[in-house]
Amino acid sequence: MKESEKMLRVAYEALDEKKASDITVINIENVSTLADYYVITNGENTSHVQALVENVQEKMYKEGFACRSLEGYKAANWVLMDYGDIVVNVFSREDRRWFDLERIWRDGKFLDPKEILGEE
């Protein structure tokens, strides 16, 4: 398993554990040099968005993955966590619809959760 795949699994499980809404994962390694994976999700309110971010940070840290950049935590409308090979975006519901990152990255490969978690 590539390191980026392990990072993705840790981040996905951390989001899922805290009941993130509609977790979308896009493999962008063939369309961008920005990262291998782009994760997009949303929380139900400011507190939920921050709890999602904190859980991702905690789980990633425990696995030895450092966050290179964290933007937007205080306002919690759109929090961007840059882990190098993966980028995690946690939105408020309204801001996710407004920015529509799924449309922007539509040339990437949208992954099924079973692919991420290694399930059959």
N, C-alpha and C. Protein backbone atom coordinates (compact mmCIF):
# COMPACT_ATOMS: atom_id res chain seq x y z
N MET A 1 0.85 -1.18 0.00
CA MET A 1 0.00 0.00 0.00
C MET A 1 0.89 1.24 0.00
N LYS A 2 0.61 2.14 -0.94
CA LYS A 2 1.36 3.40 -1.00
C LYS A 2 1.04 4.24 0.24
N GLU A 3 1.99 5.10 0.60
CA GLU A 3 1.78 5.96 1.77
C GLU A 3 0.54 6.84 1.60
N SER A 4 0.31 7.35 0.39
CA SER A 4 -0.86 8.20 0.17
C SER A 4 -2.16 7.42 0.39
N GLU A 5 -2.17 6.13 0.05
CA GLU A 5 -3.35 5.30 0.28
C GLU A 5 -3.59 5.09 1.76
N LYS A 6 -2.50 4.91 2.51
CA LYS A 6 -2.64 4.76 3.96
C LYS A 6 -3.16 6.06 4.58
N MET A 7 -2.62 7.18 4.14
CA MET A 7 -3.08 8.48 4.64
C MET A 7 -4.57 8.66 4.34
N LEU A 8 -4.96 8.29 3.13
CA LEU A 8 -6.36 8.41 2.73
C LEU A 8 -7.25 7.57 3.62
N ARG A 9 -6.85 6.35 3.88
CA ARG A 9 -7.66 5.46 4.72
C ARG A 9 -7.81 6.03 6.13
N VAL A 10 -6.72 6.52 6.70
CA VAL A 10 -6.77 7.09 8.05
C VAL A 10 -7.72 8.29 8.09
N ALA A 11 -7.58 9.18 7.12
CA ALA A 11 -8.42 10.38 7.08
C ALA A 11 -9.89 10.00 6.88
N TYR A 12 -10.15 9.08 5.95
CA TYR A 12 -11.52 8.65 5.68
C TYR A 12 -12.16 8.06 6.93
N GLU A 13 -11.45 7.16 7.59
CA GLU A 13 -11.99 6.52 8.79
C GLU A 13 -12.23 7.55 9.90
N ALA A 14 -11.35 8.54 10.02
CA ALA A 14 -11.53 9.59 11.04
C ALA A 14 -12.78 10.41 10.76
N LEU A 15 -13.03 10.73 9.50
CA LEU A 15 -14.23 11.48 9.13
C LEU A 15 -15.48 10.64 9.36
N ASP A 16 -15.43 9.40 8.93
CA ASP A 16 -16.56 8.50 9.08
C ASP A 16 -16.91 8.27 10.55
N GLU A 17 -15.89 8.13 11.37
CA GLU A 17 -16.07 7.91 12.80
C GLU A 17 -16.88 9.02 13.46
N LYS A 18 -16.71 10.24 12.97
CA LYS A 18 -17.42 11.40 13.54
C LYS A 18 -18.64 11.79 12.71
N LYS A 19 -19.08 10.86 11.87
CA LYS A 19 -20.33 11.04 11.10
C LYS A 19 -20.30 12.21 10.12
N ALA A 20 -19.21 12.34 9.38
CA ALA A 20 -19.15 13.35 8.32
C ALA A 20 -20.21 13.04 7.27
N SER A 21 -20.74 14.07 6.65
CA SER A 21 -21.78 13.89 5.64
C SER A 21 -21.18 13.74 4.24
N ASP A 22 -21.66 12.74 3.52
CA ASP A 22 -21.34 12.57 2.10
C ASP A 22 -19.84 12.73 1.81
N ILE A 23 -19.04 11.83 2.34
CA ILE A 23 -17.59 11.88 2.12
C ILE A 23 -17.31 11.48 0.67
N THR A 24 -16.69 12.39 -0.06
CA THR A 24 -16.34 12.16 -1.46
C THR A 24 -14.82 12.14 -1.58
N VAL A 25 -14.31 11.12 -2.24
CA VAL A 25 -12.87 11.00 -2.45
C VAL A 25 -12.61 10.93 -3.95
N ILE A 26 -11.69 11.77 -4.40
CA ILE A 26 -11.36 11.83 -5.82
C ILE A 26 -9.86 11.58 -5.98
N ASN A 27 -9.53 10.61 -6.80
CA ASN A 27 -8.13 10.35 -7.14
C ASN A 27 -7.78 11.35 -8.24
N ILE A 28 -6.85 12.26 -7.92
CA ILE A 28 -6.47 13.30 -8.88
C ILE A 28 -5.03 13.18 -9.35
N GLU A 29 -4.39 12.05 -9.05
CA GLU A 29 -2.97 11.91 -9.37
C GLU A 29 -2.69 11.98 -10.87
N ASN A 30 -3.66 11.66 -11.71
CA ASN A 30 -3.46 11.73 -13.16
C ASN A 30 -3.91 13.04 -13.78
N VAL A 31 -4.48 13.94 -12.97
CA VAL A 31 -4.95 15.22 -13.51
C VAL A 31 -4.32 16.43 -12.83
N SER A 32 -3.53 16.20 -11.78
CA SER A 32 -2.93 17.32 -11.06
C SER A 32 -1.67 16.88 -10.33
N THR A 33 -0.75 17.82 -10.17
CA THR A 33 0.44 17.57 -9.35
C THR A 33 0.22 18.03 -7.92
N LEU A 34 -0.95 18.58 -7.64
CA LEU A 34 -1.28 19.11 -6.32
C LEU A 34 -1.24 18.03 -5.24
N ALA A 35 -1.84 16.88 -5.53
CA ALA A 35 -1.93 15.79 -4.57
C ALA A 35 -2.36 14.53 -5.31
N ASP A 36 -2.40 13.41 -4.60
CA ASP A 36 -2.92 12.17 -5.18
C ASP A 36 -4.42 12.06 -4.96
N TYR A 37 -4.88 12.52 -3.79
CA TYR A 37 -6.29 12.38 -3.44
C TYR A 37 -6.84 13.68 -2.89
N TYR A 38 -8.09 13.94 -3.22
CA TYR A 38 -8.82 15.11 -2.75
C TYR A 38 -10.05 14.59 -2.04
N VAL A 39 -10.19 14.94 -0.76
CA VAL A 39 -11.32 14.49 0.05
C VAL A 39 -12.22 15.70 0.32
N ILE A 40 -13.52 15.50 0.12
CA ILE A 40 -14.49 16.57 0.31
C ILE A 40 -15.63 16.03 1.17
N THR A 41 -15.97 16.76 2.22
CA THR A 41 -17.08 16.36 3.07
C THR A 41 -17.65 17.60 3.75
N ASN A 42 -18.70 17.41 4.52
CA ASN A 42 -19.23 18.54 5.27
C ASN A 42 -19.77 18.08 6.61
N GLY A 43 -19.83 19.04 7.52
CA GLY A 43 -20.42 18.83 8.83
C GLY A 43 -21.77 19.51 8.89
N GLU A 44 -22.47 19.27 9.98
CA GLU A 44 -23.82 19.81 10.13
C GLU A 44 -23.84 21.23 10.69
N ASN A 45 -22.80 21.60 11.42
CA ASN A 45 -22.71 22.94 12.00
C ASN A 45 -21.25 23.21 12.32
N THR A 46 -20.96 24.41 12.83
CA THR A 46 -19.58 24.81 13.11
C THR A 46 -18.88 23.84 14.04
N SER A 47 -19.55 23.46 15.11
CA SER A 47 -18.95 22.53 16.08
C SER A 47 -18.64 21.18 15.43
N HIS A 48 -19.53 20.71 14.59
CA HIS A 48 -19.33 19.43 13.92
C HIS A 48 -18.15 19.51 12.95
N VAL A 49 -18.08 20.60 12.18
CA VAL A 49 -16.95 20.79 11.26
C VAL A 49 -15.64 20.75 12.04
N GLN A 50 -15.57 21.47 13.14
CA GLN A 50 -14.34 21.50 13.94
C GLN A 50 -14.03 20.14 14.55
N ALA A 51 -15.04 19.41 14.98
CA ALA A 51 -14.82 18.07 15.53
C ALA A 51 -14.28 17.12 14.46
N LEU A 52 -14.78 17.23 13.25
CA LEU A 52 -14.27 16.41 12.15
C LEU A 52 -12.79 16.70 11.89
N VAL A 53 -12.46 17.99 11.84
CA VAL A 53 -11.08 18.40 11.60
C VAL A 53 -10.17 17.90 12.71
N GLU A 54 -10.59 18.09 13.94
CA GLU A 54 -9.78 17.65 15.08
C GLU A 54 -9.54 16.15 15.07
N ASN A 55 -10.56 15.38 14.70
CA ASN A 55 -10.40 13.93 14.67
C ASN A 55 -9.43 13.51 13.56
N VAL A 56 -9.53 14.14 12.40
CA VAL A 56 -8.58 13.84 11.33
C VAL A 56 -7.16 14.17 11.79
N GLN A 57 -6.99 15.35 12.37
CA GLN A 57 -5.65 15.74 12.82
C GLN A 57 -5.10 14.75 13.84
N GLU A 58 -5.91 14.36 14.79
CA GLU A 58 -5.47 13.44 15.85
C GLU A 58 -5.08 12.07 15.27
N LYS A 59 -5.93 11.52 14.42
CA LYS A 59 -5.66 10.19 13.85
C LYS A 59 -4.44 10.23 12.92
N MET A 60 -4.33 11.28 12.13
CA MET A 60 -3.19 11.39 11.23
C MET A 60 -1.89 11.55 12.02
N TYR A 61 -1.93 12.37 13.06
CA TYR A 61 -0.74 12.58 13.91
C TYR A 61 -0.29 11.25 14.53
N LYS A 62 -1.25 10.48 15.03
CA LYS A 62 -0.92 9.19 15.64
C LYS A 62 -0.26 8.23 14.66
N GLU A 63 -0.58 8.38 13.38
CA GLU A 63 0.01 7.53 12.35
C GLU A 63 1.30 8.13 11.77
N GLY A 64 1.69 9.29 12.28
CA GLY A 64 2.94 9.90 11.84
C GLY A 64 2.85 10.82 10.65
N PHE A 65 1.64 11.27 10.32
CA PHE A 65 1.44 12.16 9.18
C PHE A 65 1.22 13.58 9.67
N ALA A 66 2.08 14.48 9.22
CA ALA A 66 2.01 15.88 9.65
C ALA A 66 1.18 16.70 8.68
N CYS A 67 0.36 17.56 9.23
CA CYS A 67 -0.42 18.49 8.42
C CYS A 67 0.49 19.64 8.01
N ARG A 68 0.63 19.85 6.71
CA ARG A 68 1.49 20.92 6.20
C ARG A 68 0.85 22.29 6.35
N SER A 69 -0.47 22.31 6.22
CA SER A 69 -1.19 23.58 6.29
C SER A 69 -2.63 23.32 6.72
N LEU A 70 -3.12 24.21 7.57
CA LEU A 70 -4.50 24.15 8.02
C LEU A 70 -5.09 25.54 7.86
N GLU A 71 -6.15 25.64 7.09
CA GLU A 71 -6.77 26.94 6.81
C GLU A 71 -8.24 26.90 7.14
N GLY A 72 -8.75 27.94 7.78
CA GLY A 72 -10.19 28.11 7.96
C GLY A 72 -10.80 27.49 9.20
N TYR A 73 -9.99 26.99 10.13
CA TYR A 73 -10.53 26.29 11.29
C TYR A 73 -11.45 27.16 12.15
N LYS A 74 -11.03 28.38 12.40
CA LYS A 74 -11.78 29.24 13.32
C LYS A 74 -13.19 29.53 12.79
N ALA A 75 -13.31 29.91 11.53
CA ALA A 75 -14.62 30.21 10.95
C ALA A 75 -15.42 28.93 10.69
N ALA A 76 -14.72 27.86 10.36
CA ALA A 76 -15.31 26.53 10.13
C ALA A 76 -16.37 26.51 9.03
N ASN A 77 -16.23 27.37 8.03
CA ASN A 77 -17.09 27.30 6.85
C ASN A 77 -16.48 26.38 5.80
N TRP A 78 -15.15 26.48 5.66
CA TRP A 78 -14.39 25.62 4.77
C TRP A 78 -13.01 25.46 5.40
N VAL A 79 -12.74 24.28 5.89
CA VAL A 79 -11.44 24.00 6.49
C VAL A 79 -10.67 23.13 5.52
N LEU A 80 -9.46 23.57 5.18
CA LEU A 80 -8.60 22.84 4.27
C LEU A 80 -7.41 22.31 5.06
N MET A 81 -7.18 21.02 4.96
CA MET A 81 -6.04 20.37 5.60
C MET A 81 -5.17 19.77 4.50
N ASP A 82 -3.94 20.24 4.40
CA ASP A 82 -3.01 19.78 3.38
C ASP A 82 -2.02 18.82 4.01
N TYR A 83 -2.09 17.57 3.58
CA TYR A 83 -1.16 16.55 4.05
C TYR A 83 -0.18 16.15 2.95
N GLY A 84 -0.04 16.99 1.96
CA GLY A 84 0.88 16.70 0.86
C GLY A 84 0.24 15.82 -0.19
N ASP A 85 0.22 14.52 0.05
CA ASP A 85 -0.34 13.58 -0.92
C ASP A 85 -1.87 13.56 -0.91
N ILE A 86 -2.46 14.02 0.19
CA ILE A 86 -3.91 14.15 0.22
C ILE A 86 -4.29 15.53 0.76
N VAL A 87 -5.41 16.02 0.26
CA VAL A 87 -5.96 17.28 0.73
C VAL A 87 -7.37 16.98 1.22
N VAL A 88 -7.65 17.39 2.46
CA VAL A 88 -8.97 17.15 3.07
C VAL A 88 -9.68 18.48 3.20
N ASN A 89 -10.88 18.55 2.65
CA ASN A 89 -11.72 19.75 2.72
C ASN A 89 -12.96 19.42 3.53
N VAL A 90 -13.19 20.16 4.61
CA VAL A 90 -14.38 19.96 5.44
C VAL A 90 -15.17 21.27 5.39
N PHE A 91 -16.36 21.19 4.87
CA PHE A 91 -17.21 22.36 4.66
C PHE A 91 -18.40 22.39 5.60
N SER A 92 -18.99 23.57 5.69
CA SER A 92 -20.37 23.66 6.17
C SER A 92 -21.22 23.21 4.98
N ARG A 93 -22.43 22.79 5.24
CA ARG A 93 -23.29 22.29 4.15
C ARG A 93 -23.49 23.34 3.06
N GLU A 94 -23.76 24.58 3.45
CA GLU A 94 -24.03 25.66 2.49
C GLU A 94 -22.80 25.97 1.64
N ASP A 95 -21.65 26.06 2.28
CA ASP A 95 -20.43 26.39 1.53
C ASP A 95 -20.02 25.26 0.60
N ARG A 96 -20.28 24.03 0.98
CA ARG A 96 -19.96 22.92 0.08
C ARG A 96 -20.76 23.03 -1.21
N ARG A 97 -22.03 23.31 -1.09
CA ARG A 97 -22.86 23.47 -2.30
C ARG A 97 -22.37 24.66 -3.13
N TRP A 98 -22.02 25.73 -2.47
CA TRP A 98 -21.59 26.95 -3.17
C TRP A 98 -20.31 26.72 -3.98
N PHE A 99 -19.29 26.13 -3.34
CA PHE A 99 -18.00 25.96 -4.02
C PHE A 99 -17.98 24.78 -4.98
N ASP A 100 -18.77 23.74 -4.73
CA ASP A 100 -18.94 22.61 -5.64
C ASP A 100 -17.61 22.08 -6.18
N LEU A 101 -16.72 21.69 -5.26
CA LEU A 101 -15.41 21.19 -5.67
C LEU A 101 -15.48 19.91 -6.49
N GLU A 102 -16.53 19.14 -6.30
CA GLU A 102 -16.69 17.92 -7.08
C GLU A 102 -16.74 18.25 -8.58
N ARG A 103 -17.38 19.35 -8.93
CA ARG A 103 -17.45 19.76 -10.33
C ARG A 103 -16.07 20.17 -10.83
N ILE A 104 -15.33 20.89 -10.01
CA ILE A 104 -14.00 21.36 -10.40
C ILE A 104 -13.05 20.18 -10.66
N TRP A 105 -13.16 19.12 -9.85
CA TRP A 105 -12.28 17.96 -9.97
C TRP A 105 -12.93 16.79 -10.71
N ARG A 106 -13.92 17.06 -11.54
CA ARG A 106 -14.67 15.99 -12.23
C ARG A 106 -13.81 15.14 -13.16
N ASP A 107 -12.63 15.62 -13.55
CA ASP A 107 -11.76 14.82 -14.41
C ASP A 107 -11.01 13.74 -13.63
N GLY A 108 -11.07 13.81 -12.30
CA GLY A 108 -10.44 12.77 -11.49
C GLY A 108 -11.33 11.54 -11.40
N LYS A 109 -10.83 10.52 -10.72
CA LYS A 109 -11.58 9.28 -10.55
C LYS A 109 -12.25 9.30 -9.17
N PHE A 110 -13.57 9.27 -9.16
CA PHE A 110 -14.31 9.25 -7.91
C PHE A 110 -14.27 7.83 -7.35
N LEU A 111 -13.85 7.71 -6.09
CA LEU A 111 -13.65 6.39 -5.49
C LEU A 111 -14.83 5.97 -4.63
N ASP A 112 -15.11 4.68 -4.67
CA ASP A 112 -16.10 4.07 -3.80
C ASP A 112 -15.45 3.84 -2.44
N PRO A 113 -16.19 4.05 -1.35
CA PRO A 113 -15.60 3.80 -0.01
C PRO A 113 -15.00 2.41 0.13
N LYS A 114 -15.56 1.42 -0.53
CA LYS A 114 -15.04 0.07 -0.45
C LYS A 114 -13.62 -0.01 -1.00
N GLU A 115 -13.31 0.81 -2.02
CA GLU A 115 -11.96 0.86 -2.58
C GLU A 115 -10.99 1.42 -1.55
N ILE A 116 -11.44 2.43 -0.81
CA ILE A 116 -10.59 3.11 0.16
C ILE A 116 -10.31 2.20 1.36
N LEU A 117 -11.36 1.52 1.82
CA LEU A 117 -11.25 0.72 3.02
C LEU A 117 -10.77 -0.71 2.75
N GLY A 118 -10.57 -1.04 1.46
CA GLY A 118 -10.07 -2.36 1.11
C GLY A 118 -11.09 -3.47 1.28
N GLU A 119 -12.36 -3.12 1.17
CA GLU A 119 -13.42 -4.12 1.32
C GLU A 119 -13.78 -4.67 -0.05
N GLU A 120 -14.27 -5.87 -0.05
CA GLU A 120 -14.71 -6.51 -1.30
C GLU A 120 -16.08 -6.04 -1.68
